[in-house]
Each structure stands twice: as structure tokens, then as C-alpha cells.
Amino acid sequence: MPGLLDKRRENRDEASIPTAGMADIAFLLLIFFLVTTTINVDTGIGMTLPPKLKPDQKP
């Protein structure tokens, strides 16, 4: 019986994962998320500033 099990293991090919398309899928997902993501552009910090001084006034 042990000889039969060894023979089966010898005939079995090693399983491999095809990774050629994985890079393509990664780049497609990257492009998809770059295109569909909205980027909020800040217009600045919301601050209430004091009124502008007249030219003859000192700070």
C-alpha cells in the first residue's frame, strides 16, 4: 500500500496560480478608483478677518 501512495504523489503535478492577469486587474482597479473618486479641493481656511484699516490709521 505505501508504494501505491508514493506513485500517486509522483504523478501529481504541482498546482500553480496563474498570476499573469493579476497585474492587469490591479491596474484596472487602480484606474477605476482614480476615475470614480471625487477629490474635495479646499478653498482655504474659513476665517473672519477684521475690517481693513484706512491708510491714515495705525495698527
PDB file of N, CA and C in Angstrom:
ATOM      1  N   MET A   1       0.802  -1.211   0.000  1.00  0.00           N
ATOM      2  CA  MET A   1       0.000   0.000   0.000  1.00  0.00           C
ATOM      3  C   MET A   1       0.849   1.282   0.000  1.00  0.00           C
ATOM      4  N   PRO A   2       1.941   1.350   0.782  1.00  0.00           N
ATOM      5  CA  PRO A   2       2.734   2.574   0.738  1.00  0.00           C
ATOM      6  C   PRO A   2       3.319   2.843  -0.629  1.00  0.00           C
ATOM      7  N   GLY A   3       3.624   1.840  -1.379  1.00  0.00           N
ATOM      8  CA  GLY A   3       4.165   2.045  -2.716  1.00  0.00           C
ATOM      9  C   GLY A   3       3.151   2.695  -3.636  1.00  0.00           C
ATOM     10  N   LEU A   4       1.876   2.344  -3.476  1.00  0.00           N
ATOM     11  CA  LEU A   4       0.812   2.908  -4.299  1.00  0.00           C
ATOM     12  C   LEU A   4       0.618   4.402  -4.002  1.00  0.00           C
ATOM     13  N   LEU A   5       0.704   4.776  -2.724  1.00  0.00           N
ATOM     14  CA  LEU A   5       0.549   6.189  -2.359  1.00  0.00           C
ATOM     15  C   LEU A   5       1.710   7.021  -2.890  1.00  0.00           C
ATOM     16  N   ASP A   6       2.915   6.457  -2.845  1.00  0.00           N
ATOM     17  CA  ASP A   6       4.066   7.190  -3.363  1.00  0.00           C
ATOM     18  C   ASP A   6       3.943   7.400  -4.862  1.00  0.00           C
ATOM     19  N   LYS A   7       3.402   6.418  -5.555  1.00  0.00           N
ATOM     20  CA  LYS A   7       3.248   6.517  -7.009  1.00  0.00           C
ATOM     21  C   LYS A   7       2.244   7.618  -7.362  1.00  0.00           C
ATOM     22  N   ARG A   8       1.177   7.719  -6.579  1.00  0.00           N
ATOM     23  CA  ARG A   8       0.174   8.764  -6.840  1.00  0.00           C
ATOM     24  C   ARG A   8       0.776  10.154  -6.644  1.00  0.00           C
ATOM     25  N   ARG A   9       1.611  10.293  -5.637  1.00  0.00           N
ATOM     26  CA  ARG A   9       2.221  11.595  -5.366  1.00  0.00           C
ATOM     27  C   ARG A   9       3.200  11.980  -6.464  1.00  0.00           C
ATOM     28  N   GLU A  10       3.865  11.023  -7.043  1.00  0.00           N
ATOM     29  CA  GLU A  10       4.811  11.310  -8.113  1.00  0.00           C
ATOM     30  C   GLU A  10       4.100  11.769  -9.379  1.00  0.00           C
ATOM     31  N   ASN A  11       2.942  11.211  -9.660  1.00  0.00           N
ATOM     32  CA  ASN A  11       2.206  11.545 -10.875  1.00  0.00           C
ATOM     33  C   ASN A  11       1.486  12.891 -10.777  1.00  0.00           C
ATOM     34  N   ARG A  12       1.310  13.357  -9.586  1.00  0.00           N
ATOM     35  CA  ARG A  12       0.533  14.580  -9.390  1.00  0.00           C
ATOM     36  C   ARG A  12       1.398  15.804  -9.705  1.00  0.00           C
ATOM     37  N   ASP A  13       0.899  16.690 -10.537  1.00  0.00           N
ATOM     38  CA  ASP A  13       1.599  17.932 -10.846  1.00  0.00           C
ATOM     39  C   ASP A  13       1.341  18.946  -9.739  1.00  0.00           C
ATOM     40  N   GLU A  14       2.302  19.795  -9.534  1.00  0.00           N
ATOM     41  CA  GLU A  14       2.120  20.829  -8.521  1.00  0.00           C
ATOM     42  C   GLU A  14       1.155  21.886  -9.036  1.00  0.00           C
ATOM     43  N   ALA A  15       0.268  22.312  -8.162  1.00  0.00           N
ATOM     44  CA  ALA A  15      -0.708  23.335  -8.542  1.00  0.00           C
ATOM     45  C   ALA A  15      -0.018  24.697  -8.570  1.00  0.00           C
ATOM     46  N   SER A  16      -0.328  25.473  -9.567  1.00  0.00           N
ATOM     47  CA  SER A  16       0.231  26.820  -9.655  1.00  0.00           C
ATOM     48  C   SER A  16      -0.893  27.802  -9.944  1.00  0.00           C
ATOM     49  N   ILE A  17      -0.741  28.975  -9.409  1.00  0.00           N
ATOM     50  CA  ILE A  17      -1.741  30.022  -9.607  1.00  0.00           C
ATOM     51  C   ILE A  17      -1.258  30.915 -10.742  1.00  0.00           C
ATOM     52  N   PRO A  18      -2.037  31.046 -11.794  1.00  0.00           N
ATOM     53  CA  PRO A  18      -1.615  31.932 -12.887  1.00  0.00           C
ATOM     54  C   PRO A  18      -1.714  33.395 -12.443  1.00  0.00           C
ATOM     55  N   THR A  19      -0.602  34.080 -12.447  1.00  0.00           N
ATOM     56  CA  THR A  19      -0.575  35.458 -11.950  1.00  0.00           C
ATOM     57  C   THR A  19      -0.368  36.479 -13.058  1.00  0.00           C
ATOM     58  N   ALA A  20      -0.408  36.059 -14.295  1.00  0.00           N
ATOM     59  CA  ALA A  20      -0.178  36.994 -15.397  1.00  0.00           C
ATOM     60  C   ALA A  20      -1.282  38.048 -15.471  1.00  0.00           C
ATOM     61  N   GLY A  21      -2.519  37.645 -15.270  1.00  0.00           N
ATOM     62  CA  GLY A  21      -3.628  38.595 -15.358  1.00  0.00           C
ATOM     63  C   GLY A  21      -3.837  39.409 -14.096  1.00  0.00           C
ATOM     64  N   MET A  22      -3.153  39.032 -13.015  1.00  0.00           N
ATOM     65  CA  MET A  22      -3.364  39.727 -11.756  1.00  0.00           C
ATOM     66  C   MET A  22      -2.883  41.180 -11.832  1.00  0.00           C
ATOM     67  N   ALA A  23      -1.792  41.436 -12.509  1.00  0.00           N
ATOM     68  CA  ALA A  23      -1.299  42.811 -12.650  1.00  0.00           C
ATOM     69  C   ALA A  23      -2.274  43.635 -13.481  1.00  0.00           C
ATOM     70  N   ASP A  24      -2.841  43.038 -14.520  1.00  0.00           N
ATOM     71  CA  ASP A  24      -3.821  43.758 -15.340  1.00  0.00           C
ATOM     72  C   ASP A  24      -5.037  44.153 -14.518  1.00  0.00           C
ATOM     73  N   ILE A  25      -5.518  43.231 -13.709  1.00  0.00           N
ATOM     74  CA  ILE A  25      -6.692  43.509 -12.882  1.00  0.00           C
ATOM     75  C   ILE A  25      -6.361  44.579 -11.846  1.00  0.00           C
ATOM     76  N   ALA A  26      -5.156  44.525 -11.275  1.00  0.00           N
ATOM     77  CA  ALA A  26      -4.761  45.531 -10.284  1.00  0.00           C
ATOM     78  C   ALA A  26      -4.720  46.920 -10.910  1.00  0.00           C
ATOM     79  N   PHE A  27      -4.165  47.040 -12.112  1.00  0.00           N
ATOM     80  CA  PHE A  27      -4.119  48.345 -12.771  1.00  0.00           C
ATOM     81  C   PHE A  27      -5.512  48.820 -13.170  1.00  0.00           C
ATOM     82  N   LEU A  28      -6.372  47.920 -13.599  1.00  0.00           N
ATOM     83  CA  LEU A  28      -7.740  48.317 -13.938  1.00  0.00           C
ATOM     84  C   LEU A  28      -8.482  48.822 -12.703  1.00  0.00           C
ATOM     85  N   LEU A  29      -8.302  48.143 -11.576  1.00  0.00           N
ATOM     86  CA  LEU A  29      -8.935  48.613 -10.346  1.00  0.00           C
ATOM     87  C   LEU A  29      -8.370  49.961  -9.914  1.00  0.00           C
ATOM     88  N   LEU A  30      -7.078  50.134 -10.055  1.00  0.00           N
ATOM     89  CA  LEU A  30      -6.458  51.410  -9.707  1.00  0.00           C
ATOM     90  C   LEU A  30      -7.013  52.540 -10.566  1.00  0.00           C
ATOM     91  N   ILE A  31      -7.107  52.324 -11.851  1.00  0.00           N
ATOM     92  CA  ILE A  31      -7.647  53.339 -12.762  1.00  0.00           C
ATOM     93  C   ILE A  31      -9.112  53.603 -12.447  1.00  0.00           C
ATOM     94  N   PHE A  32      -9.872  52.552 -12.158  1.00  0.00           N
ATOM     95  CA  PHE A  32     -11.288  52.712 -11.830  1.00  0.00           C
ATOM     96  C   PHE A  32     -11.460  53.608 -10.608  1.00  0.00           C
ATOM     97  N   PHE A  33     -10.699  53.337  -9.548  1.00  0.00           N
ATOM     98  CA  PHE A  33     -10.851  54.132  -8.336  1.00  0.00           C
ATOM     99  C   PHE A  33     -10.321  55.550  -8.517  1.00  0.00           C
ATOM    100  N   LEU A  34      -9.296  55.739  -9.328  1.00  0.00           N
ATOM    101  CA  LEU A  34      -8.811  57.094  -9.593  1.00  0.00           C
ATOM    102  C   LEU A  34      -9.836  57.917 -10.364  1.00  0.00           C
ATOM    103  N   VAL A  35     -10.546  57.276 -11.285  1.00  0.00           N
ATOM    104  CA  VAL A  35     -11.524  57.992 -12.108  1.00  0.00           C
ATOM    105  C   VAL A  35     -12.801  58.268 -11.331  1.00  0.00           C
ATOM    106  N   THR A  36     -13.236  57.341 -10.493  1.00  0.00           N
ATOM    107  CA  THR A  36     -14.528  57.484  -9.825  1.00  0.00           C
ATOM    108  C   THR A  36     -14.453  58.225  -8.497  1.00  0.00           C
ATOM    109  N   THR A  37     -13.262  58.444  -7.972  1.00  0.00           N
ATOM    110  CA  THR A  37     -13.127  59.124  -6.687  1.00  0.00           C
ATOM    111  C   THR A  37     -13.271  60.625  -6.876  1.00  0.00           C
ATOM    112  N   THR A  38     -14.034  61.233  -5.984  1.00  0.00           N
ATOM    113  CA  THR A  38     -14.155  62.688  -6.014  1.00  0.00           C
ATOM    114  C   THR A  38     -13.161  63.264  -5.015  1.00  0.00           C
ATOM    115  N   ILE A  39     -12.460  64.276  -5.437  1.00  0.00           N
ATOM    116  CA  ILE A  39     -11.470  64.911  -4.579  1.00  0.00           C
ATOM    117  C   ILE A  39     -12.006  66.278  -4.183  1.00  0.00           C
ATOM    118  N   ASN A  40     -12.149  66.474  -2.899  1.00  0.00           N
ATOM    119  CA  ASN A  40     -12.619  67.762  -2.394  1.00  0.00           C
ATOM    120  C   ASN A  40     -11.434  68.711  -2.313  1.00  0.00           C
ATOM    121  N   VAL A  41     -11.513  69.782  -3.074  1.00  0.00           N
ATOM    122  CA  VAL A  41     -10.454  70.780  -3.062  1.00  0.00           C
ATOM    123  C   VAL A  41     -10.843  71.848  -2.052  1.00  0.00           C
ATOM    124  N   ASP A  42     -10.016  72.000  -1.057  1.00  0.00           N
ATOM    125  CA  ASP A  42     -10.293  73.021  -0.046  1.00  0.00           C
ATOM    126  C   ASP A  42     -10.036  74.398  -0.638  1.00  0.00           C
ATOM    127  N   THR A  43     -10.955  75.306  -0.367  1.00  0.00           N
ATOM    128  CA  THR A  43     -10.793  76.661  -0.878  1.00  0.00           C
ATOM    129  C   THR A  43      -9.998  77.520   0.090  1.00  0.00           C
ATOM    130  N   GLY A  44      -9.700  77.006   1.234  1.00  0.00           N
ATOM    131  CA  GLY A  44      -8.928  77.758   2.222  1.00  0.00           C
ATOM    132  C   GLY A  44      -9.522  77.549   3.599  1.00  0.00           C
ATOM    133  N   ILE A  45      -8.963  78.248   4.541  1.00  0.00           N
ATOM    134  CA  ILE A  45      -9.447  78.152   5.913  1.00  0.00           C
ATOM    135  C   ILE A  45     -10.499  79.238   6.109  1.00  0.00           C
ATOM    136  N   GLY A  46     -11.660  78.830   6.575  1.00  0.00           N
ATOM    137  CA  GLY A  46     -12.729  79.800   6.811  1.00  0.00           C
ATOM    138  C   GLY A  46     -12.433  80.638   8.047  1.00  0.00           C
ATOM    139  N   MET A  47     -12.082  81.880   7.838  1.00  0.00           N
ATOM    140  CA  MET A  47     -11.769  82.774   8.953  1.00  0.00           C
ATOM    141  C   MET A  47     -12.501  84.096   8.766  1.00  0.00           C
ATOM    142  N   THR A  48     -12.901  84.676   9.878  1.00  0.00           N
ATOM    143  CA  THR A  48     -13.483  86.012   9.846  1.00  0.00           C
ATOM    144  C   THR A  48     -12.371  86.994  10.188  1.00  0.00           C
ATOM    145  N   LEU A  49     -12.011  87.836   9.249  1.00  0.00           N
ATOM    146  CA  LEU A  49     -10.925  88.784   9.442  1.00  0.00           C
ATOM    147  C   LEU A  49     -11.475  90.140   9.855  1.00  0.00           C
ATOM    148  N   PRO A  50     -10.672  90.905  10.586  1.00  0.00           N
ATOM    149  CA  PRO A  50     -11.122  92.254  10.958  1.00  0.00           C
ATOM    150  C   PRO A  50     -11.191  93.136   9.719  1.00  0.00           C
ATOM    151  N   PRO A  51     -11.958  94.203   9.791  1.00  0.00           N
ATOM    152  CA  PRO A  51     -12.076  95.083   8.616  1.00  0.00           C
ATOM    153  C   PRO A  51     -10.737  95.734   8.273  1.00  0.00           C
ATOM    154  N   LYS A  52     -10.587  96.111   7.032  1.00  0.00           N
ATOM    155  CA  LYS A  52      -9.356  96.726   6.545  1.00  0.00           C
ATOM    156  C   LYS A  52      -9.202  98.124   7.146  1.00  0.00           C
ATOM    157  N   LEU A  53      -7.971  98.418   7.554  1.00  0.00           N
ATOM    158  CA  LEU A  53      -7.700  99.738   8.133  1.00  0.00           C
ATOM    159  C   LEU A  53      -7.581 100.780   7.034  1.00  0.00           C
ATOM    160  N   LYS A  54      -7.927 101.990   7.390  1.00  0.00           N
ATOM    161  CA  LYS A  54      -7.756 103.103   6.457  1.00  0.00           C
ATOM    162  C   LYS A  54      -6.272 103.451   6.396  1.00  0.00           C
ATOM    163  N   PRO A  55      -5.821 104.075   5.304  1.00  0.00           N
ATOM    164  CA  PRO A  55      -4.386 104.384   5.167  1.00  0.00           C
ATOM    165  C   PRO A  55      -3.834 105.273   6.274  1.00  0.00           C
ATOM    166  N   ASP A  56      -4.665 106.130   6.861  1.00  0.00           N
ATOM    167  CA  ASP A  56      -4.152 107.041   7.882  1.00  0.00           C
ATOM    168  C   ASP A  56      -4.178 106.435   9.283  1.00  0.00           C
ATOM    169  N   GLN A  57      -4.735 105.244   9.458  1.00  0.00           N
ATOM    170  CA  GLN A  57      -4.797 104.587  10.765  1.00  0.00           C
ATOM    171  C   GLN A  57      -3.569 103.699  10.964  1.00  0.00           C
ATOM    172  N   LYS A  58      -3.112 103.641  12.225  1.00  0.00           N
ATOM    173  CA  LYS A  58      -2.018 102.753  12.579  1.00  0.00           C
ATOM    174  C   LYS A  58      -2.603 101.503  13.237  1.00  0.00           C
ATOM    175  N   PRO A  59      -1.944 100.393  13.044  1.00  0.00           N
ATOM    176  CA  PRO A  59      -2.459  99.151  13.662  1.00  0.00           C
ATOM    177  C   PRO A  59      -2.299  99.137  15.158  1.00  0.00           C
TER     178      PRO A  59
END
